[in-house]
Amino acid sequence: MMYFRRLFSLFQGTAEDKAGVDIVAKRFLQAFQAHGIELSQIQRFLPNITLDCLQSEGKLLAALNHDVLFRTSELFGIRLAWLEGVDDQIYEHLGCYKRPQVILDDLNRLPRDQDGEIEFPLRVITTQMNLDYRGGCDQMLVPVVVEKTAELGEIDVCRYRIYMDGFTWDYWPTRMELKAIARIVFKQLHMPVPLFRASAKEVEALVAGRMFPGAFVHGCQLTNPSLEDFALWRSESQQSKEEDELPEVLLYIEEHQLENFKFDISNDSEAGSLPAEDLPPLVFASDRPLDTSLAQHEQFVVTSVVENAVKAAQASHAATNAIKDRFIRYYQEEGQGHPNKKAAAAHFYQSLLEKRERLQFAHEDAAIRTLLAGLRNYEKAAK
């Protein structure tokens, strides 16, 4: 392992530091490192890059032919020109400004797992976690579509597509677009859109396509807040924020004809999920929020309890892992009494968990997905 680290350091530096073909080897190694893949694991993806190829700079360079570089480019969704050292832009420029369906179609093309599901396909990197359109300061955002391509133990190997429009929260058109997208993703896929913090300099590099996003968008996906919190009524989420703008968001959805958008949740998966007609309906501008006449103090108490629970879950996974282990045991003993795994998880969450345990999760859908993910990991390890 120490040798692998030394080999990585051999190629460290910028394009200005290294000349000629050295930059190709450096960037090849950098691409795998940025996706959580150790040097000893590269041959799982590229059988021609054996451990012997990594013994020296000369052997590695000799192995980096066009086919290897092209396959690496395809594996990670990065530009072949960057790998070849032609320029410093890692990712192709992608944009969806004023065309929200572009990013929804991109999400719709992602492959599902064996249960027909997809976990946290859209994540957003931002300079400010506590977004506020009245704030006035720079609040830049970068949507990232995340596609899981492989697993290496506990590590997910992902391909990223970065939307480089330069979204800012204080600019009404880009704010409306992101809110509309987040609402549709959450209401149809029942999936939060987590927010991850980065510096302004890092966000600018991401928008320029010159930085890998993986270091920002992994870890606990139940962030507080998450993007859909800014696009839901208080009756839909206790974490609702900027509810005063929601009528404008719903009107934006109608004007861009997104009310008819449906995710194809079967999408070539081996086993489908709920049919589209069984998904909860979207709520649009003609609808009205439910009565939310809780006293101000009661709202504060409920919101504080949920927020503190989410923070606690982010700080430690111990309690969540214990609940997943209990669900696995429950499914082994009682699973046959339910029509499917999802129904078993829903029953476990609703009937067998105490209220304080349910607060480990942001909401019921997140809990069910977490329980099913734990069961899938257990079943894979048992094979």
Protein backbone atom coordinates (compact mmCIF):
# COMPACT_ATOMS: atom_id res chain seq x y z
CA MET A 1 0.00 0.00 0.00
CA MET A 2 2.85 2.38 0.80
CA TYR A 3 4.25 1.75 -2.69
CA PHE A 4 0.90 2.66 -4.25
CA ARG A 5 0.93 5.95 -2.34
CA ARG A 6 4.44 6.68 -3.56
CA LEU A 7 3.35 5.94 -7.12
CA PHE A 8 0.45 8.35 -6.75
CA SER A 9 2.79 11.03 -5.43
CA LEU A 10 5.08 10.47 -8.41
CA PHE A 11 2.49 12.05 -10.67
CA GLN A 12 1.19 14.77 -8.33
CA GLY A 13 1.13 18.37 -9.54
CA THR A 14 -0.74 20.45 -12.10
CA ALA A 15 -0.64 20.40 -15.86
CA GLU A 16 1.90 23.21 -15.64
CA ASP A 17 4.17 21.13 -13.39
CA LYS A 18 4.37 18.12 -15.69
CA ALA A 19 5.07 18.05 -19.37
CA GLY A 20 4.58 15.51 -22.12
CA VAL A 21 3.16 12.04 -21.47
CA ASP A 22 3.71 12.21 -17.69
CA ILE A 23 0.45 14.14 -17.36
CA VAL A 24 -1.47 11.23 -18.92
CA ALA A 25 -0.30 8.78 -16.25
CA LYS A 26 -0.92 11.30 -13.49
CA ARG A 27 -4.48 11.98 -14.62
CA PHE A 28 -5.24 8.31 -15.17
CA LEU A 29 -4.31 7.56 -11.55
CA GLN A 30 -6.10 10.68 -10.32
CA ALA A 31 -9.37 9.59 -11.94
CA PHE A 32 -9.42 6.29 -10.06
CA GLN A 33 -8.34 7.87 -6.80
CA ALA A 34 -11.11 10.49 -7.07
CA HIS A 35 -13.69 7.69 -7.34
CA GLY A 36 -12.49 5.81 -4.28
CA ILE A 37 -10.68 3.05 -6.18
CA GLU A 38 -7.33 1.85 -4.88
CA LEU A 39 -4.55 1.17 -7.35
CA SER A 40 -4.72 -2.55 -6.59
CA GLN A 41 -8.40 -2.52 -7.68
CA ILE A 42 -7.92 -0.88 -11.08
CA GLN A 43 -7.58 -4.23 -12.84
CA ARG A 44 -11.15 -5.10 -11.79
CA PHE A 45 -12.26 -2.46 -14.29
CA LEU A 46 -9.36 -2.60 -16.73
CA PRO A 47 -7.90 -6.14 -16.78
CA ASN A 48 -4.95 -4.98 -18.90
CA ILE A 49 -3.73 -2.69 -16.10
CA THR A 50 -2.18 -5.38 -13.93
CA LEU A 51 -0.17 -4.85 -10.76
CA ASP A 52 2.97 -5.32 -12.86
CA CYS A 53 1.97 -2.26 -14.93
CA LEU A 54 2.03 -0.22 -11.74
CA GLN A 55 5.57 -1.16 -10.80
CA SER A 56 7.09 1.76 -12.64
CA GLU A 57 6.25 4.91 -14.55
CA GLY A 58 7.52 3.40 -17.80
CA LYS A 59 5.36 0.26 -17.52
CA LEU A 60 2.25 2.28 -16.72
CA LEU A 61 2.76 4.67 -19.62
CA ALA A 62 3.28 1.73 -21.99
CA ALA A 63 -0.07 0.26 -20.92
CA LEU A 64 -2.04 3.48 -21.37
CA ASN A 65 -3.06 3.04 -24.99
CA HIS A 66 -6.07 4.70 -26.60
CA ASP A 67 -8.43 1.83 -25.72
CA VAL A 68 -7.55 1.99 -22.01
CA LEU A 69 -7.97 5.75 -21.89
CA PHE A 70 -11.27 5.61 -23.79
CA ARG A 71 -12.67 2.95 -21.47
CA THR A 72 -11.59 5.00 -18.45
CA SER A 73 -13.34 8.03 -19.91
CA GLU A 74 -16.52 6.02 -20.39
CA LEU A 75 -16.32 4.43 -16.93
CA PHE A 76 -16.24 7.76 -15.11
CA GLY A 77 -18.05 9.98 -17.60
CA ILE A 78 -15.03 12.26 -17.99
CA ARG A 79 -13.53 13.84 -21.08
CA LEU A 80 -11.00 11.85 -23.07
CA ALA A 81 -9.25 15.13 -23.89
CA TRP A 82 -8.61 15.71 -20.18
CA LEU A 83 -7.16 12.23 -19.74
CA GLU A 84 -4.91 12.81 -22.74
CA GLY A 85 -3.64 16.04 -21.20
CA VAL A 86 -5.04 18.24 -23.97
CA ASP A 87 -6.82 20.63 -21.58
CA ASP A 88 -7.88 20.98 -17.94
CA GLN A 89 -11.66 20.51 -18.25
CA ILE A 90 -12.57 17.14 -16.71
CA TYR A 91 -16.29 17.11 -17.55
CA GLU A 92 -18.28 18.07 -20.60
CA HIS A 93 -20.38 21.21 -20.17
CA LEU A 94 -23.97 20.31 -19.32
CA GLY A 95 -26.77 22.84 -18.97
CA CYS A 96 -30.48 22.87 -18.21
CA TYR A 97 -31.18 26.56 -17.54
CA LYS A 98 -34.79 27.36 -18.51
CA ARG A 99 -35.11 23.70 -19.55
CA PRO A 100 -35.86 21.81 -16.31
CA GLN A 101 -37.02 18.72 -18.17
CA VAL A 102 -33.43 18.17 -19.36
CA ILE A 103 -32.27 17.22 -15.88
CA LEU A 104 -35.46 15.23 -15.20
CA ASP A 105 -34.92 13.25 -18.41
CA ASP A 106 -31.33 12.64 -17.34
CA LEU A 107 -32.55 11.24 -14.02
CA ASN A 108 -35.12 9.15 -15.85
CA ARG A 109 -32.38 7.40 -17.84
CA LEU A 110 -30.52 6.17 -14.78
CA PRO A 111 -30.58 2.40 -14.22
CA ARG A 112 -32.49 1.07 -11.22
CA ASP A 113 -31.33 -1.61 -8.81
CA GLN A 114 -32.78 -5.12 -8.70
CA ASP A 115 -35.80 -3.82 -6.79
CA GLY A 116 -36.49 -1.17 -9.41
CA GLU A 117 -35.32 1.62 -7.12
CA ILE A 118 -32.75 4.38 -7.32
CA GLU A 119 -31.18 6.06 -4.31
CA PHE A 120 -30.45 9.79 -4.11
CA PRO A 121 -29.92 10.28 -7.86
CA LEU A 122 -29.83 14.10 -7.57
CA ARG A 123 -27.53 15.89 -5.12
CA VAL A 124 -26.73 19.59 -4.93
CA ILE A 125 -23.48 21.25 -3.90
CA THR A 126 -23.89 24.74 -2.49
CA THR A 127 -21.93 27.52 -0.84
CA GLN A 128 -24.72 28.01 1.74
CA MET A 129 -26.61 25.27 3.56
CA ASN A 130 -29.17 27.68 5.01
CA LEU A 131 -30.44 29.05 1.73
CA ASP A 132 -32.47 32.25 1.92
CA TYR A 133 -33.61 34.15 -1.14
CA ARG A 134 -33.75 37.31 0.99
CA GLY A 135 -30.18 36.77 2.20
CA GLY A 136 -28.45 38.84 -0.45
CA CYS A 137 -25.09 37.04 -0.18
CA ASP A 138 -23.65 34.70 -2.79
CA GLN A 139 -25.55 31.41 -2.68
CA MET A 140 -24.29 29.33 -5.57
CA LEU A 141 -25.57 25.82 -6.34
CA VAL A 142 -24.42 22.99 -8.56
CA PRO A 143 -26.81 20.08 -9.31
CA VAL A 144 -25.05 16.74 -9.73
CA VAL A 145 -26.69 13.63 -11.18
CA VAL A 146 -25.16 10.57 -9.52
CA GLU A 147 -25.18 7.19 -11.24
CA LYS A 148 -23.95 4.18 -9.29
CA THR A 149 -21.93 1.94 -11.60
CA ALA A 150 -20.28 -0.57 -9.25
CA GLU A 151 -19.68 -1.55 -5.66
CA LEU A 152 -16.31 -2.18 -4.02
CA GLY A 153 -17.11 -3.45 -0.54
CA GLU A 154 -18.86 -0.57 1.22
CA ILE A 155 -17.80 1.94 -1.44
CA ASP A 156 -20.11 2.92 -4.28
CA VAL A 157 -18.32 3.70 -7.53
CA CYS A 158 -20.30 6.44 -9.25
CA ARG A 159 -20.39 8.38 -12.48
CA TYR A 160 -21.25 12.09 -12.16
CA ARG A 161 -22.91 14.58 -14.46
CA ILE A 162 -22.49 18.16 -13.35
CA TYR A 163 -24.92 20.87 -14.48
CA MET A 164 -22.80 23.97 -14.94
CA ASP A 165 -25.41 26.68 -15.47
CA GLY A 166 -24.19 28.74 -12.51
CA PHE A 167 -27.36 28.52 -10.41
CA THR A 168 -27.73 31.13 -7.67
CA TRP A 169 -30.43 31.20 -5.02
CA ASP A 170 -30.95 34.97 -5.14
CA TYR A 171 -31.84 34.84 -8.86
CA TRP A 172 -35.55 34.04 -9.25
CA PRO A 173 -35.42 31.99 -12.52
CA THR A 174 -32.72 29.59 -11.33
CA ARG A 175 -34.28 29.32 -7.87
CA MET A 176 -37.69 28.45 -9.33
CA GLU A 177 -36.15 25.86 -11.62
CA LEU A 178 -34.31 24.08 -8.81
CA LYS A 179 -37.34 24.18 -6.53
CA ALA A 180 -39.56 22.71 -9.25
CA ILE A 181 -37.08 19.93 -10.00
CA ALA A 182 -36.65 19.09 -6.31
CA ARG A 183 -40.41 18.93 -5.76
CA ILE A 184 -40.98 16.56 -8.67
CA VAL A 185 -38.08 14.30 -7.66
CA PHE A 186 -39.32 14.12 -4.08
CA LYS A 187 -43.02 13.70 -4.84
CA GLN A 188 -42.54 11.03 -7.49
CA LEU A 189 -39.43 9.15 -6.39
CA HIS A 190 -39.97 9.78 -2.66
CA MET A 191 -36.31 10.71 -2.55
CA PRO A 192 -34.78 13.74 -0.83
CA VAL A 193 -32.37 15.99 -2.71
CA PRO A 194 -29.49 16.45 -0.24
CA LEU A 195 -27.40 19.60 0.00
CA PHE A 196 -23.63 19.53 0.49
CA ARG A 197 -21.43 22.48 1.43
CA ALA A 198 -18.40 23.63 -0.58
CA SER A 199 -16.41 26.84 -0.72
CA ALA A 200 -17.07 29.45 -3.40
CA LYS A 201 -13.73 28.59 -5.01
CA GLU A 202 -14.64 24.89 -5.13
CA VAL A 203 -18.07 25.61 -6.58
CA GLU A 204 -16.51 27.77 -9.29
CA ALA A 205 -14.15 24.91 -10.16
CA LEU A 206 -17.08 22.50 -10.36
CA VAL A 207 -19.01 24.88 -12.64
CA ALA A 208 -15.92 25.07 -14.85
CA GLY A 209 -15.77 21.26 -14.98
CA ARG A 210 -12.32 21.22 -13.37
CA MET A 211 -13.00 19.35 -10.14
CA PHE A 212 -14.32 15.90 -9.25
CA PRO A 213 -17.53 16.18 -7.17
CA GLY A 214 -17.25 12.85 -5.35
CA ALA A 215 -15.58 14.31 -2.26
CA PHE A 216 -18.63 16.51 -1.66
CA VAL A 217 -21.68 14.36 -2.45
CA HIS A 218 -21.07 11.22 -0.39
CA GLY A 219 -21.62 10.51 3.28
CA CYS A 220 -24.99 10.78 5.02
CA GLN A 221 -27.63 11.71 2.45
CA LEU A 222 -30.20 12.92 4.99
CA THR A 223 -29.04 16.50 5.14
CA ASN A 224 -30.75 19.27 7.06
CA PRO A 225 -31.99 21.12 5.15
CA SER A 226 -32.38 19.33 1.84
CA LEU A 227 -33.47 21.02 -1.36
CA GLU A 228 -37.05 19.73 -1.41
CA ASP A 229 -37.66 21.46 1.96
CA PHE A 230 -37.84 24.68 -0.06
CA ALA A 231 -40.56 23.28 -2.35
CA LEU A 232 -43.06 21.63 0.02
CA TRP A 233 -46.00 22.88 2.07
CA ARG A 234 -45.69 22.66 5.83
CA SER A 235 -48.47 20.07 5.64
CA GLU A 236 -46.14 17.95 3.49
CA SER A 237 -42.97 18.46 5.51
CA GLN A 238 -42.27 19.86 8.96
CA GLN A 239 -38.98 21.12 7.48
CA SER A 240 -40.77 23.34 4.93
CA LYS A 241 -38.96 26.59 4.16
CA GLU A 242 -39.82 29.62 2.01
CA GLU A 243 -43.41 28.39 1.81
CA ASP A 244 -44.50 31.85 0.66
CA GLU A 245 -42.91 31.13 -2.74
CA LEU A 246 -44.54 27.76 -3.27
CA PRO A 247 -47.48 29.09 -5.35
CA GLU A 248 -44.90 30.52 -7.76
CA VAL A 249 -43.09 27.17 -7.86
CA LEU A 250 -46.32 25.36 -8.71
CA LEU A 251 -47.10 27.91 -11.41
CA TYR A 252 -43.58 27.42 -12.83
CA ILE A 253 -44.27 23.67 -12.98
CA GLU A 254 -47.47 24.28 -14.91
CA GLU A 255 -45.94 26.80 -17.28
CA HIS A 256 -43.14 24.39 -18.19
CA GLN A 257 -45.64 21.53 -18.57
CA LEU A 258 -43.91 19.47 -15.92
CA GLU A 259 -47.17 18.42 -14.28
CA ASN A 260 -47.36 15.62 -16.87
CA PHE A 261 -43.81 14.41 -16.34
CA LYS A 262 -43.64 10.84 -15.06
CA PHE A 263 -40.55 8.90 -14.14
CA ASP A 264 -40.39 5.54 -15.87
CA ILE A 265 -39.69 3.64 -12.67
CA SER A 266 -39.47 0.29 -14.47
CA ASN A 267 -36.63 1.67 -16.67
CA ASP A 268 -35.06 -1.64 -17.69
CA SER A 269 -34.68 -2.75 -14.08
CA GLU A 270 -34.86 -6.46 -13.33
CA ALA A 271 -37.76 -5.94 -10.94
CA GLY A 272 -40.11 -2.98 -11.18
CA SER A 273 -41.46 -0.87 -8.34
CA LEU A 274 -44.87 0.72 -8.03
CA PRO A 275 -46.58 1.49 -11.36
CA ALA A 276 -46.71 5.19 -12.16
CA GLU A 277 -50.46 5.39 -11.58
CA ASP A 278 -49.99 4.18 -7.99
CA LEU A 279 -47.56 6.93 -7.05
CA PRO A 280 -48.92 9.77 -4.89
CA PRO A 281 -50.17 12.59 -7.14
CA LEU A 282 -48.29 15.83 -7.55
CA VAL A 283 -49.84 18.96 -6.06
CA PHE A 284 -50.07 21.93 -8.42
CA ALA A 285 -51.07 25.57 -8.28
CA SER A 286 -54.81 24.90 -8.39
CA ASP A 287 -54.54 22.98 -5.12
CA ARG A 288 -54.44 24.53 -1.68
CA PRO A 289 -52.32 23.54 1.31
CA LEU A 290 -53.98 21.63 4.10
CA ASP A 291 -54.90 23.46 7.30
CA THR A 292 -51.72 24.04 9.27
CA SER A 293 -53.14 25.94 12.22
CA LEU A 294 -50.70 24.62 14.85
CA ALA A 295 -49.78 27.20 17.43
CA GLN A 296 -46.45 28.91 16.83
CA HIS A 297 -44.96 27.32 19.91
CA GLU A 298 -46.09 23.83 18.89
CA GLN A 299 -44.60 24.27 15.43
CA PHE A 300 -41.31 25.34 16.97
CA VAL A 301 -41.21 22.33 19.29
CA VAL A 302 -42.05 19.78 16.55
CA THR A 303 -39.56 21.28 14.11
CA SER A 304 -36.81 21.39 16.73
CA VAL A 305 -37.33 17.75 17.67
CA VAL A 306 -37.11 16.59 14.05
CA GLU A 307 -34.10 18.77 13.26
CA ASN A 308 -32.23 17.55 16.31
CA ALA A 309 -33.01 13.96 15.41
CA VAL A 310 -31.64 14.40 11.89
CA LYS A 311 -28.49 16.02 13.25
CA ALA A 312 -28.03 13.14 15.66
CA ALA A 313 -28.43 10.63 12.83
CA GLN A 314 -25.79 12.45 10.83
CA ALA A 315 -23.37 12.46 13.75
CA SER A 316 -23.54 8.73 14.32
CA HIS A 317 -24.94 5.79 12.36
CA ALA A 318 -24.91 3.45 15.35
CA ALA A 319 -28.61 3.79 16.19
CA THR A 320 -29.66 3.45 12.53
CA ASN A 321 -27.48 0.37 12.04
CA ALA A 322 -29.06 -1.23 15.11
CA ILE A 323 -32.53 -0.64 13.66
CA LYS A 324 -31.44 -2.13 10.31
CA ASP A 325 -30.14 -5.23 12.11
CA ARG A 326 -33.49 -5.62 13.89
CA PHE A 327 -35.33 -5.30 10.60
CA ILE A 328 -33.14 -7.98 9.01
CA ARG A 329 -33.95 -10.37 11.85
CA TYR A 330 -37.63 -9.45 11.61
CA TYR A 331 -37.69 -10.08 7.85
CA GLN A 332 -35.99 -13.44 8.26
CA GLU A 333 -38.65 -14.50 10.77
CA GLU A 334 -41.77 -12.71 9.51
CA GLY A 335 -41.02 -11.72 5.93
CA GLN A 336 -43.17 -14.41 4.36
CA GLY A 337 -46.22 -12.79 5.93
CA HIS A 338 -45.88 -9.73 3.69
CA PRO A 339 -46.45 -9.43 -0.07
CA ASN A 340 -42.99 -7.91 -0.66
CA LYS A 341 -39.95 -6.45 1.07
CA LYS A 342 -41.25 -2.90 0.87
CA ALA A 343 -44.46 -3.86 2.66
CA ALA A 344 -42.44 -5.62 5.35
CA ALA A 345 -40.29 -2.54 5.85
CA ALA A 346 -43.35 -0.28 6.05
CA HIS A 347 -44.96 -2.54 8.67
CA PHE A 348 -41.75 -2.68 10.67
CA TYR A 349 -41.42 1.10 10.65
CA GLN A 350 -45.07 1.83 11.47
CA SER A 351 -45.80 -0.90 14.01
CA LEU A 352 -42.58 -2.06 15.62
CA LEU A 353 -40.49 1.06 16.06
CA GLU A 354 -41.01 3.40 18.97
CA LYS A 355 -41.56 7.08 18.20
CA ARG A 356 -38.04 8.03 19.34
CA GLU A 357 -36.61 5.41 16.97
CA ARG A 358 -38.66 6.69 14.04
CA LEU A 359 -37.07 10.09 14.62
CA GLN A 360 -33.77 8.59 13.47
CA PHE A 361 -35.15 9.08 9.96
CA ALA A 362 -36.21 12.23 8.14
CA HIS A 363 -39.54 10.64 7.13
CA GLU A 364 -41.13 7.26 6.52
CA ASP A 365 -40.04 6.90 2.89
CA ALA A 366 -36.41 7.53 3.86
CA ALA A 367 -36.72 4.95 6.64
CA ILE A 368 -38.14 2.30 4.29
CA ARG A 369 -35.36 2.85 1.77
CA THR A 370 -32.73 2.68 4.50
CA LEU A 371 -34.16 -0.59 5.82
CA LEU A 372 -34.33 -2.11 2.33
CA ALA A 373 -30.76 -1.03 1.60
CA GLY A 374 -29.60 -2.73 4.80
CA LEU A 375 -31.43 -5.91 3.85
CA ARG A 376 -29.97 -5.89 0.32
CA ASN A 377 -26.43 -5.46 1.67
CA TYR A 378 -26.98 -8.32 4.11
CA GLU A 379 -28.33 -10.62 1.39
CA LYS A 380 -25.43 -9.79 -0.96
CA ALA A 381 -22.89 -10.53 1.78
CA ALA A 382 -24.62 -13.83 2.60
CA LYS A 383 -24.34 -15.13 -0.98
